[in-house]
């Protein structure tokens, strides 16, 4: 009877993995598979839960670093950690009052706002000082 529950859990975990594509629930799907197979031969819920947990955490501990290394290579950071402190080029005039402005940081376009509230013309070089929501906060670079 427990087999039905384990196959449902397995299906849900695989569905979550397919939807998210984040390699998050696959480890527990492996544990659910082992628990399902065990439930076909033994009707012992305690044993099934222990095997589910043991296999899930063993897969998580031993295979996750390997999988992440091969299937999730260091992609370019598009978050604030990857852009703060970098130089950028203004591609659309930054004007906080008009809520306009875009900059190019390493080939990626970002909406931008001026830290000082000044207008920064298209073509100017700026430095990324921070991020607020999805907008970069920039200051005009000092001429060399």
Protein backbone atom coordinates (compact mmCIF):
# COMPACT_ATOMS: atom_id res chain seq x y z
CA UNK A 1 0.00 0.00 0.00
CA UNK A 2 2.89 2.39 0.71
CA UNK A 3 4.03 1.89 -2.88
CA UNK A 4 1.33 4.22 -4.15
CA UNK A 5 2.49 7.04 -1.87
CA UNK A 6 6.13 6.60 -2.81
CA UNK A 7 5.37 6.63 -6.54
CA UNK A 8 3.29 9.82 -6.07
CA UNK A 9 6.14 11.43 -4.11
CA UNK A 10 8.60 10.33 -6.80
CA UNK A 11 6.42 11.78 -9.57
CA UNK A 12 5.96 15.09 -7.74
CA UNK A 13 9.70 15.42 -7.09
CA UNK A 14 10.54 14.68 -10.73
CA UNK A 15 7.87 17.15 -11.87
CA UNK A 16 9.34 19.85 -9.61
CA UNK A 17 12.79 19.10 -11.04
CA UNK A 18 11.51 19.36 -14.60
CA UNK A 19 9.69 22.63 -13.92
CA UNK A 20 12.52 24.34 -12.05
CA UNK A 21 15.56 22.89 -13.86
CA UNK A 22 17.60 23.85 -10.82
CA UNK A 23 18.89 20.42 -9.78
CA UNK A 24 17.21 20.68 -6.38
CA UNK A 25 14.86 17.75 -5.85
CA UNK A 26 16.55 15.05 -7.91
CA UNK A 27 18.41 13.77 -4.84
CA UNK A 28 15.14 13.17 -3.01
CA UNK A 29 13.60 11.60 -6.09
CA UNK A 30 16.41 9.01 -5.91
CA UNK A 31 15.52 8.35 -2.28
CA UNK A 32 11.84 8.05 -3.16
CA UNK A 33 12.70 5.56 -5.90
CA UNK A 34 14.62 3.36 -3.46
CA UNK A 35 11.77 3.64 -0.93
CA UNK A 36 9.27 2.71 -3.66
CA UNK A 37 11.25 -0.37 -4.69
CA UNK A 38 11.64 -1.37 -1.04
CA UNK A 39 7.89 -0.98 -0.49
CA UNK A 40 7.24 -3.52 -3.25
CA UNK A 41 9.06 -6.21 -1.27
CA UNK A 42 8.59 -5.15 2.36
CA UNK A 43 5.61 -3.51 3.99
CA UNK A 44 7.64 -1.61 6.56
CA UNK A 45 7.06 2.16 6.51
CA UNK A 46 9.81 2.82 9.04
CA UNK A 47 12.40 1.02 6.85
CA UNK A 48 11.15 2.87 3.76
CA UNK A 49 11.46 6.28 5.45
CA UNK A 50 14.95 5.46 6.76
CA UNK A 51 16.06 4.34 3.28
CA UNK A 52 14.45 7.42 1.69
CA UNK A 53 16.35 9.75 4.02
CA UNK A 54 19.63 7.82 3.87
CA UNK A 55 19.70 7.54 0.07
CA UNK A 56 18.53 11.13 -0.44
CA UNK A 57 21.20 12.61 1.79
CA UNK A 58 23.90 10.27 0.48
CA UNK A 59 23.09 11.35 -3.09
CA UNK A 60 23.00 14.97 -2.01
CA UNK A 61 26.33 14.76 -0.19
CA UNK A 62 28.31 12.64 -2.65
CA UNK A 63 26.97 13.56 -6.08
CA UNK A 64 25.77 17.16 -5.80
CA UNK A 65 29.27 18.73 -6.06
CA UNK A 66 30.05 16.62 -9.12
CA UNK A 67 26.73 17.34 -10.83
CA UNK A 68 26.91 21.06 -10.15
CA UNK A 69 30.46 21.20 -11.48
CA UNK A 70 29.45 19.62 -14.80
CA UNK A 71 25.90 20.87 -15.31
CA UNK A 72 26.11 24.30 -13.72
CA UNK A 73 29.43 25.77 -14.84
CA UNK A 74 30.40 29.21 -13.65
CA UNK A 75 28.07 31.32 -15.73
CA UNK A 76 28.49 35.02 -16.02
CA UNK A 77 27.05 36.78 -13.00
CA UNK A 78 24.10 38.96 -13.82
CA UNK A 79 23.42 39.79 -10.20
CA UNK A 80 24.77 42.62 -8.13
CA UNK A 81 27.75 40.61 -6.93
CA UNK A 82 28.97 40.41 -10.51
CA UNK A 83 28.56 44.07 -11.45
CA UNK A 84 29.22 46.20 -8.38
CA UNK A 85 32.51 48.05 -8.80
CA UNK A 86 32.67 47.46 -12.56
CA UNK A 87 32.97 50.17 -15.16
CA UNK A 88 30.06 50.67 -17.54
CA UNK A 89 29.12 52.75 -20.58
CA UNK A 90 25.92 54.80 -20.64
CA UNK A 91 23.84 53.71 -23.64
CA UNK A 92 20.74 55.79 -22.78
CA UNK A 93 20.99 59.04 -20.83
CA UNK A 94 20.62 58.50 -17.09
CA UNK A 95 18.06 60.96 -15.70
CA UNK A 96 16.51 60.12 -12.34
CA UNK A 97 13.72 62.70 -12.72
CA UNK A 98 12.57 61.14 -16.02
CA UNK A 99 13.34 57.64 -14.69
CA UNK A 100 15.40 56.87 -17.76
CA UNK A 101 18.84 55.44 -18.19
CA UNK A 102 20.61 52.34 -19.35
CA UNK A 103 24.19 51.18 -19.12
CA UNK A 104 26.21 48.41 -20.68
CA UNK A 105 28.25 46.34 -18.25
CA UNK A 106 30.36 43.71 -19.96
CA UNK A 107 27.90 43.32 -22.82
CA UNK A 108 24.82 43.21 -20.60
CA UNK A 109 22.28 46.03 -20.61
CA UNK A 110 20.97 47.26 -17.28
CA UNK A 111 18.57 50.00 -16.26
CA UNK A 112 20.46 52.59 -14.26
CA UNK A 113 20.01 55.52 -11.90
CA UNK A 114 22.53 58.14 -10.82
CA UNK A 115 23.72 57.99 -7.22
CA UNK A 116 24.10 61.80 -7.06
CA UNK A 117 20.90 62.47 -8.97
CA UNK A 118 22.77 64.17 -11.81
CA UNK A 119 22.05 63.65 -15.49
CA UNK A 120 24.68 61.45 -17.13
CA UNK A 121 24.73 61.70 -20.89
CA UNK A 122 24.87 58.81 -23.35
CA UNK A 123 28.46 57.74 -24.04
CA UNK A 124 29.76 58.65 -20.59
CA UNK A 125 31.77 56.18 -18.55
CA UNK A 126 30.34 55.30 -15.15
CA UNK A 127 31.17 53.03 -12.23
CA UNK A 128 28.56 50.75 -10.68
CA UNK A 129 28.20 51.60 -6.99
CA UNK A 130 25.28 49.40 -6.06
CA UNK A 131 21.93 48.00 -7.04
CA UNK A 132 18.39 48.88 -6.08
CA UNK A 133 15.78 46.40 -7.22
CA UNK A 134 16.70 45.70 -10.83
CA UNK A 135 18.44 49.03 -11.42
CA UNK A 136 22.13 49.75 -11.11
CA UNK A 137 23.20 52.78 -9.11
CA UNK A 138 26.06 54.47 -10.93
CA UNK A 139 28.41 57.42 -10.55
CA UNK A 140 30.15 59.26 -13.33
CA UNK A 141 33.76 58.09 -13.68
CA UNK A 142 36.49 60.62 -13.10
CA UNK A 143 38.56 61.38 -16.20
CA UNK A 144 41.99 59.74 -16.18
